[in-house]
C-alpha atoms as a PDB file:
ATOM      1  CA  MET A   1      15.533  -2.506  20.602  1.00  0.00           C
ATOM      2  CA  ASP A   2      16.310  -1.783  17.465  1.00  0.00           C
ATOM      3  CA  MET A   3      13.236  -0.514  15.595  1.00  0.00           C
ATOM      4  CA  THR A   4      14.576  -0.886  12.134  1.00  0.00           C
ATOM      5  CA  GLU A   5      13.495  -4.201  11.897  1.00  0.00           C
ATOM      6  CA  TRP A   6      10.374  -4.049  13.500  1.00  0.00           C
ATOM      7  CA  THR A   7       9.182  -0.659  11.643  1.00  0.00           C
ATOM      8  CA  SER A   8      10.058  -2.979   8.190  1.00  0.00           C
ATOM      9  CA  GLN A   9       8.190  -5.608   9.327  1.00  0.00           C
ATOM     10  CA  VAL A  10       5.199  -3.244  10.026  1.00  0.00           C
ATOM     11  CA  ARG A  11       5.631  -1.218   6.629  1.00  0.00           C
ATOM     12  CA  ARG A  12       5.804  -4.416   4.607  1.00  0.00           C
ATOM     13  CA  GLY A  13       2.041  -5.153   4.661  1.00  0.00           C
ATOM     14  CA  ILE A  14       1.071  -1.522   4.980  1.00  0.00           C
ATOM     15  CA  LEU A  15       2.691  -0.417   1.515  1.00  0.00           C
ATOM     16  CA  GLU A  16       0.855  -3.129  -0.377  1.00  0.00           C
ATOM     17  CA  TYR A  17      -2.440  -2.062   1.196  1.00  0.00           C
ATOM     18  CA  CYS A  18      -1.598   1.560   0.656  1.00  0.00           C
ATOM     19  CA  ILE A  19      -0.642   0.867  -3.235  1.00  0.00           C
ATOM     20  CA  LEU A  20      -3.770  -0.485  -3.912  1.00  0.00           C
ATOM     21  CA  LEU A  21      -5.623   2.414  -1.954  1.00  0.00           C
ATOM     22  CA  LEU A  22      -3.604   4.828  -4.654  1.00  0.00           C
ATOM     23  CA  VAL A  23      -4.395   3.008  -7.928  1.00  0.00           C
ATOM     24  CA  SER A  24      -7.910   2.295  -6.571  1.00  0.00           C
ATOM     25  CA  LYS A  25      -8.459   6.170  -6.716  1.00  0.00           C
ATOM     26  CA  GLN A  26      -7.228   6.197 -10.412  1.00  0.00           C
ATOM     27  CA  PRO A  27      -4.452   5.015 -12.555  1.00  0.00           C
ATOM     28  CA  ARG A  28      -0.932   5.840 -11.271  1.00  0.00           C
ATOM     29  CA  TYR A  29       2.600   5.147 -13.025  1.00  0.00           C
ATOM     30  CA  GLY A  30       5.411   4.118 -10.517  1.00  0.00           C
ATOM     31  CA  TYR A  31       7.307   7.063 -10.300  1.00  0.00           C
ATOM     32  CA  GLU A  32       3.986   8.592  -9.379  1.00  0.00           C
ATOM     33  CA  LEU A  33       3.416   6.151  -6.570  1.00  0.00           C
ATOM     34  CA  VAL A  34       6.987   6.913  -5.238  1.00  0.00           C
ATOM     35  CA  THR A  35       6.128  10.489  -5.488  1.00  0.00           C
ATOM     36  CA  LEU A  36       3.068   9.913  -3.699  1.00  0.00           C
ATOM     37  CA  LEU A  37       4.241   8.045  -0.986  1.00  0.00           C
ATOM     38  CA  ASP A  38       7.379  10.110  -0.283  1.00  0.00           C
ATOM     39  CA  ARG A  39       4.719  12.549   0.814  1.00  0.00           C
ATOM     40  CA  TRP A  40       3.839  10.515   3.692  1.00  0.00           C
ATOM     41  CA  GLU A  41       7.695   9.605   5.665  1.00  0.00           C
ATOM     42  CA  PRO A  42       7.183   6.856   7.125  1.00  0.00           C
ATOM     43  CA  LEU A  43       5.577   5.055   3.743  1.00  0.00           C
ATOM     44  CA  ALA A  44       8.882   6.439   1.540  1.00  0.00           C
ATOM     45  CA  VAL A  45      10.097   3.640  -0.858  1.00  0.00           C
ATOM     46  CA  THR A  46      12.916   3.695  -3.622  1.00  0.00           C
ATOM     47  CA  GLU A  47      11.536   2.517  -7.342  1.00  0.00           C
ATOM     48  CA  GLY A  48      13.863  -0.858  -6.068  1.00  0.00           C
ATOM     49  CA  THR A  49      11.221  -1.463  -3.405  1.00  0.00           C
ATOM     50  CA  LEU A  50       7.949  -0.174  -5.497  1.00  0.00           C
ATOM     51  CA  TYR A  51       8.484  -2.178  -9.059  1.00  0.00           C
ATOM     52  CA  PRO A  52       9.033  -6.163  -7.207  1.00  0.00           C
ATOM     53  CA  LEU A  53       5.590  -5.366  -5.403  1.00  0.00           C
ATOM     54  CA  LEU A  54       3.743  -3.940  -8.561  1.00  0.00           C
ATOM     55  CA  ARG A  55       5.090  -7.021 -10.234  1.00  0.00           C
ATOM     56  CA  ARG A  56       4.011  -9.271  -8.290  1.00  0.00           C
ATOM     57  CA  LEU A  57       0.477  -7.685  -7.880  1.00  0.00           C
ATOM     58  CA  LEU A  58       0.218  -7.963 -11.228  1.00  0.00           C
ATOM     59  CA  LYS A  59       1.331 -11.828 -11.494  1.00  0.00           C
ATOM     60  CA  GLU A  60      -1.388 -12.245  -8.651  1.00  0.00           C
ATOM     61  CA  ASN A  61      -3.788 -10.079 -10.684  1.00  0.00           C
ATOM     62  CA  TYR A  62      -4.692  -7.731  -8.183  1.00  0.00           C
ATOM     63  CA  ILE A  63      -3.605  -4.933 -10.994  1.00  0.00           C
ATOM     64  CA  ASP A  64      -3.457  -4.491 -14.191  1.00  0.00           C
ATOM     65  CA  SER A  65      -1.244  -2.197 -16.466  1.00  0.00           C
ATOM     66  CA  PHE A  66      -1.351  -0.372 -19.624  1.00  0.00           C
ATOM     67  CA  TRP A  67       0.850   2.073 -21.411  1.00  0.00           C
ATOM     68  CA  LYS A  68       0.034   5.482 -22.149  1.00  0.00           C
ATOM     69  CA  GLU A  69       1.670   8.826 -24.251  1.00  0.00           C
ATOM     70  CA  SER A  70       3.343  11.034 -21.677  1.00  0.00           C
ATOM     71  CA  GLU A  71       3.197  14.365 -23.066  1.00  0.00           C
ATOM     72  CA  ALA A  72       6.733  15.162 -20.985  1.00  0.00           C
ATOM     73  CA  GLY A  73       8.810  11.911 -22.551  1.00  0.00           C
ATOM     74  CA  PRO A  74       8.258   8.404 -23.307  1.00  0.00           C
ATOM     75  CA  PRO A  75       5.154   6.358 -22.547  1.00  0.00           C
ATOM     76  CA  ARG A  76       4.438   5.470 -19.054  1.00  0.00           C
ATOM     77  CA  LYS A  77       3.042   2.132 -17.562  1.00  0.00           C
ATOM     78  CA  TYR A  78      -0.106   2.676 -15.223  1.00  0.00           C
ATOM     79  CA  TYR A  79      -1.439   0.717 -12.780  1.00  0.00           C
ATOM     80  CA  SER A  80      -4.813  -0.020 -12.338  1.00  0.00           C
ATOM     81  CA  LEU A  81      -7.124  -2.054  -9.565  1.00  0.00           C
ATOM     82  CA  THR A  82      -8.453  -5.312 -11.178  1.00  0.00           C
ATOM     83  CA  ALA A  83     -11.849  -6.922 -10.069  1.00  0.00           C
ATOM     84  CA  ASP A  84      -9.881  -9.261  -7.645  1.00  0.00           C
ATOM     85  CA  GLY A  85      -7.512  -6.439  -6.396  1.00  0.00           C
ATOM     86  CA  ARG A  86     -10.731  -4.506  -5.390  1.00  0.00           C
ATOM     87  CA  LEU A  87     -11.954  -7.782  -3.343  1.00  0.00           C
ATOM     88  CA  LEU A  88      -8.376  -7.712  -2.168  1.00  0.00           C
ATOM     89  CA  LEU A  89      -8.553  -3.875  -1.337  1.00  0.00           C
ATOM     90  CA  GLU A  90     -11.666  -4.292   0.493  1.00  0.00           C
ATOM     91  CA  ALA A  91     -11.015  -7.314   2.690  1.00  0.00           C
ATOM     92  CA  MET A  92      -7.565  -5.601   4.067  1.00  0.00           C
ATOM     93  CA  SER A  93      -9.503  -2.127   4.795  1.00  0.00           C
ATOM     94  CA  ARG A  94     -12.123  -4.453   6.761  1.00  0.00           C
ATOM     95  CA  GLU A  95      -8.677  -6.020   8.391  1.00  0.00           C
ATOM     96  CA  TRP A  96      -7.114  -2.998   8.887  1.00  0.00           C
ATOM     97  CA  ASN A  97     -10.090  -1.257  10.540  1.00  0.00           C
ATOM     98  CA  LYS A  98     -10.232  -3.985  12.804  1.00  0.00           C
ATOM     99  CA  LEU A  99      -6.384  -3.730  13.816  1.00  0.00           C
ATOM    100  CA  ASP A 100      -6.774  -0.141  13.964  1.00  0.00           C
ATOM    101  CA  ALA A 101      -9.719   0.124  16.316  1.00  0.00           C
ATOM    102  CA  ALA A 102      -7.965  -2.931  18.660  1.00  0.00           C
ATOM    103  CA  VAL A 103      -4.793  -0.766  19.112  1.00  0.00           C
ATOM    104  CA  TYR A 104      -6.593   1.679  19.833  1.00  0.00           C
ATOM    105  CA  GLN A 105      -8.435   0.241  22.562  1.00  0.00           C
ATOM    106  CA  ILE A 106      -5.193  -1.173  23.931  1.00  0.00           C
ATOM    107  CA  GLN A 107      -3.710   2.630  24.052  1.00  0.00           C
ATOM    108  CA  LEU A 108      -6.765   3.642  26.023  1.00  0.00           C
ATOM    109  CA  TYR A 109      -6.893   0.418  28.256  1.00  0.00           C
ATOM    110  CA  ARG A 110      -6.205   1.506  31.699  1.00  0.00           C
ATOM    111  CA  GLY A 111      -5.287  -2.642  33.424  1.00  0.00           C
ATOM    112  CA  GLU A 112      -8.451  -2.105  35.872  1.00  0.00           C
ATOM    113  CA  GLU A 113     -10.912  -4.768  34.022  1.00  0.00           C
ATOM    114  CA  ALA A 114     -10.397  -8.355  35.284  1.00  0.00           C
ATOM    115  CA  LEU A 115      -9.921 -11.121  32.542  1.00  0.00           C
END
């Protein structure tokens, strides 16, 4: 089995969740998000992947953006969570916790119980 396609499908939804988590903590600019996600190799993205996702989240009103002067160059576009984004993040967190718990239970499952 080619793990590349499977990994790509799994990452697609998780990336959106992780971006919302990161901007919920504090406003972040695009390259900062790329750099932060690089800390966790399975979540590393390119700007070509990140910016279309940010544009979609902006269009759907889950994040907002604003420009802020930078001490080290041109102004940066920062992204923050909107009220709708916070609701989405809470819903995603609930679902993630359910999925995580279910996968964990399957990992522990020995197959002894009758269905």
